[in-house]
Amino acid sequence: MTLNSRERMIEGAVKLLGERGAHAASLNEIMKATGAPRGSIYHHFPQGKEQIIGEALELAGNHALNFLNNLEGEPAETVAGQFISLWRMLLSQSNFEMGCSVLAVTIGAESSDLLDRAASVFRQWVERLTALLAAGGVGSDSARGLANVIISSCEGAVAISKAQKSFDTFNIVAEQLLVMVRNASATQSQMM
């Protein structure tokens, strides 16, 4: 699917956020990265940087939600494993250059509105992952806590892996998360 210029600018902002953080995702950098003329960026985003970053947050959040939606009906361990694989793929395909765009905004938010929007994305991820884990065999009492641990751990593992340019820490975290999910699923099946 061919992206129009507005969509290219939003995708470019997502990429810049993940690679270099919120402060580096200036309008000039977005224009350079996407080849957009100056007038075009102000035409599509009259509220400037905050508007395009906000829309980039929404897009990044939706990418992960769409990925999770494809896991409907899968066992909890598969859901967790695939979510972890999403982050592994991000690191691998970018040669450890890309991190989480939502986390980048959280760390470098220049406004409370952007911070609120990032928090909303994380809440949506937790809600969706909670539902998938519960449907996949984790007890509903444990699913929300486990979803929070998985997301938080993946975020930290991605950041460390990006800094170290290595999957060493990521692999340890991934292994431990899958053990936690297996244990939570086993506990639930024993209770039935």
Protein backbone atom coordinates (compact mmCIF):
# COMPACT_ATOMS: atom_id res chain seq x y z
CA MET A 1 0.00 0.00 0.00
CA THR A 2 1.35 3.40 -0.99
CA LEU A 3 1.32 5.99 1.76
CA ASN A 4 0.27 9.54 1.05
CA SER A 5 2.54 12.39 2.15
CA ARG A 6 0.71 12.88 5.47
CA GLU A 7 1.00 9.18 6.32
CA ARG A 8 4.69 9.17 5.30
CA MET A 9 5.35 12.05 7.69
CA ILE A 10 3.61 10.25 10.57
CA GLU A 11 5.51 7.02 9.83
CA GLY A 12 8.71 9.08 9.63
CA ALA A 13 7.96 10.57 13.03
CA VAL A 14 7.41 7.10 14.52
CA LYS A 15 10.78 5.99 13.14
CA LEU A 16 12.61 9.09 14.37
CA LEU A 17 11.08 8.75 17.83
CA GLY A 18 12.16 5.13 18.07
CA GLU A 19 15.66 5.81 16.79
CA ARG A 20 16.56 9.12 18.39
CA GLY A 21 13.87 10.12 20.88
CA ALA A 22 11.34 12.91 21.19
CA HIS A 23 13.81 15.79 21.20
CA ALA A 24 15.38 14.67 17.92
CA ALA A 25 12.02 14.30 16.18
CA SER A 26 11.84 17.93 15.13
CA LEU A 27 9.80 19.11 12.18
CA ASN A 28 13.03 19.71 10.24
CA GLU A 29 14.21 16.15 10.92
CA ILE A 30 10.82 14.73 9.95
CA MET A 31 10.92 16.73 6.70
CA LYS A 32 14.46 15.49 5.98
CA ALA A 33 13.59 11.87 6.75
CA THR A 34 10.46 11.86 4.61
CA GLY A 35 11.39 14.33 1.86
CA ALA A 36 8.34 16.43 2.70
CA PRO A 37 8.41 20.10 1.71
CA ARG A 38 8.12 22.61 4.57
CA GLY A 39 4.72 23.87 3.47
CA SER A 40 3.38 20.34 3.36
CA ILE A 41 4.14 19.61 7.00
CA TYR A 42 2.43 22.80 8.16
CA HIS A 43 -0.52 22.11 5.86
CA HIS A 44 -1.08 18.62 7.28
CA PHE A 45 -0.11 19.46 10.86
CA PRO A 46 -1.12 23.08 11.58
CA GLN A 47 -0.51 22.56 15.31
CA GLY A 48 3.11 21.68 14.58
CA LYS A 49 5.35 19.17 16.29
CA GLU A 50 2.94 18.29 19.08
CA GLN A 51 0.27 17.29 16.57
CA ILE A 52 2.52 15.08 14.47
CA ILE A 53 4.08 13.45 17.54
CA GLY A 54 0.60 12.82 18.95
CA GLU A 55 -0.47 11.15 15.72
CA ALA A 56 2.78 9.16 15.65
CA LEU A 57 1.98 7.90 19.15
CA GLU A 58 -1.45 6.81 18.00
CA LEU A 59 0.00 5.03 14.97
CA ALA A 60 2.71 3.25 16.98
CA GLY A 61 0.11 2.20 19.53
CA ASN A 62 -2.18 0.89 16.82
CA HIS A 63 0.63 -1.10 15.20
CA ALA A 64 1.06 -3.09 18.43
CA LEU A 65 -2.70 -3.40 19.01
CA ASN A 66 -3.24 -4.72 15.49
CA PHE A 67 -0.46 -7.23 16.06
CA LEU A 68 -2.08 -8.33 19.33
CA ASN A 69 -5.51 -8.59 17.71
CA ASN A 70 -4.11 -11.27 15.40
CA LEU A 71 -3.41 -13.42 18.47
CA GLU A 72 -7.05 -13.81 19.48
CA GLY A 73 -7.76 -17.36 20.66
CA GLU A 74 -4.11 -18.34 21.10
CA PRO A 75 -2.75 -19.90 24.32
CA ALA A 76 -1.26 -17.41 26.76
CA GLU A 77 2.29 -18.63 26.16
CA THR A 78 1.88 -18.07 22.41
CA VAL A 79 0.46 -14.58 23.02
CA ALA A 80 3.39 -13.65 25.26
CA GLY A 81 5.93 -15.24 22.94
CA GLN A 82 4.60 -13.41 19.91
CA PHE A 83 4.46 -10.08 21.75
CA ILE A 84 8.08 -10.58 22.78
CA SER A 85 8.94 -11.52 19.18
CA LEU A 86 7.44 -8.24 17.97
CA TRP A 87 10.06 -6.35 19.99
CA ARG A 88 12.84 -8.74 18.97
CA MET A 89 11.92 -8.12 15.31
CA LEU A 90 12.00 -4.34 15.85
CA LEU A 91 15.54 -4.58 17.22
CA SER A 92 16.72 -7.10 14.67
CA GLN A 93 15.36 -5.34 11.58
CA SER A 94 16.81 -2.01 12.70
CA ASN A 95 20.17 -3.47 13.76
CA PHE A 96 19.47 -2.24 17.31
CA GLU A 97 18.81 1.32 16.12
CA MET A 98 15.09 1.37 16.89
CA GLY A 99 13.45 1.39 20.29
CA CYS A 100 9.87 1.95 21.35
CA SER A 101 8.48 5.23 20.02
CA VAL A 102 5.92 5.41 22.83
CA LEU A 103 8.60 5.02 25.49
CA ALA A 104 10.69 7.68 23.73
CA VAL A 105 7.84 10.16 24.04
CA THR A 106 7.30 9.17 27.67
CA ILE A 107 10.92 9.88 28.50
CA GLY A 108 11.20 13.09 26.50
CA ALA A 109 7.64 14.42 26.55
CA GLU A 110 7.57 18.14 25.96
CA SER A 111 3.97 18.51 27.10
CA SER A 112 1.57 16.92 29.53
CA ASP A 113 -0.79 16.20 26.62
CA LEU A 114 1.82 14.02 24.89
CA LEU A 115 2.59 12.28 28.17
CA ASP A 116 -1.14 11.61 28.66
CA ARG A 117 -1.40 10.24 25.13
CA ALA A 118 1.58 7.93 25.72
CA ALA A 119 -0.02 6.74 28.97
CA SER A 120 -3.21 6.02 27.04
CA VAL A 121 -1.30 3.87 24.53
CA PHE A 122 0.28 1.86 27.34
CA ARG A 123 -3.14 1.41 29.00
CA GLN A 124 -4.60 0.13 25.72
CA TRP A 125 -1.76 -2.36 25.37
CA VAL A 126 -2.26 -3.58 28.94
CA GLU A 127 -6.03 -3.95 28.41
CA ARG A 128 -5.61 -5.93 25.20
CA LEU A 129 -2.80 -8.12 26.51
CA THR A 130 -4.75 -8.74 29.73
CA ALA A 131 -7.76 -9.96 27.75
CA LEU A 132 -5.65 -12.20 25.53
CA LEU A 133 -3.77 -13.74 28.47
CA ALA A 134 -7.01 -14.38 30.37
CA ALA A 135 -8.63 -15.95 27.30
CA GLY A 136 -5.45 -17.95 26.72
CA GLY A 137 -5.41 -19.68 30.09
CA VAL A 138 -4.06 -17.25 32.68
CA GLY A 139 -6.42 -16.59 35.57
CA SER A 140 -8.22 -13.26 35.32
CA ASP A 141 -6.81 -12.30 38.74
CA SER A 142 -3.26 -12.73 37.42
CA ALA A 143 -3.67 -11.59 33.81
CA ARG A 144 -3.54 -7.81 34.42
CA GLY A 145 -0.44 -8.00 36.60
CA LEU A 146 1.25 -10.31 34.13
CA ALA A 147 0.36 -8.03 31.20
CA ASN A 148 1.95 -5.09 33.05
CA VAL A 149 5.07 -7.12 33.80
CA ILE A 150 5.39 -8.29 30.19
CA ILE A 151 5.03 -4.81 28.71
CA SER A 152 7.30 -3.14 31.26
CA SER A 153 9.93 -5.86 30.94
CA CYS A 154 9.89 -5.73 27.15
CA GLU A 155 10.26 -1.94 27.22
CA GLY A 156 13.27 -2.19 29.51
CA ALA A 157 14.80 -5.08 27.60
CA VAL A 158 14.45 -3.19 24.31
CA ALA A 159 16.11 -0.10 25.78
CA ILE A 160 19.01 -2.10 27.22
CA SER A 161 19.43 -4.14 24.03
CA LYS A 162 19.47 -0.96 21.96
CA ALA A 163 22.18 0.50 24.19
CA GLN A 164 24.25 -2.69 24.26
CA LYS A 165 23.60 -3.62 20.61
CA SER A 166 23.02 -7.15 21.83
CA PHE A 167 20.17 -9.57 22.52
CA ASP A 168 21.86 -10.90 25.69
CA THR A 169 19.63 -9.09 28.19
CA PHE A 170 16.59 -9.33 25.92
CA ASN A 171 16.91 -13.13 25.73
CA ILE A 172 17.16 -13.46 29.51
CA VAL A 173 14.09 -11.27 30.02
CA ALA A 174 12.15 -13.14 27.31
CA GLU A 175 12.96 -16.50 28.87
CA GLN A 176 11.89 -15.36 32.34
CA LEU A 177 8.65 -13.85 31.02
CA LEU A 178 7.72 -17.10 29.30
CA VAL A 179 8.43 -19.03 32.51
CA MET A 180 6.09 -16.65 34.35
CA VAL A 181 3.35 -17.14 31.76
CA ARG A 182 3.74 -20.94 31.83
CA ASN A 183 3.54 -20.92 35.62
CA ALA A 184 0.48 -18.66 35.62
CA SER A 185 -1.22 -20.88 33.04
CA ALA A 186 -0.35 -24.05 34.97
CA THR A 187 -1.67 -22.56 38.20
CA GLN A 188 -4.94 -21.67 36.49
CA SER A 189 -5.35 -25.14 34.96
CA GLN A 190 -4.71 -26.77 38.38
CA MET A 191 -7.47 -24.64 39.90
CA MET A 192 -10.01 -25.89 37.37
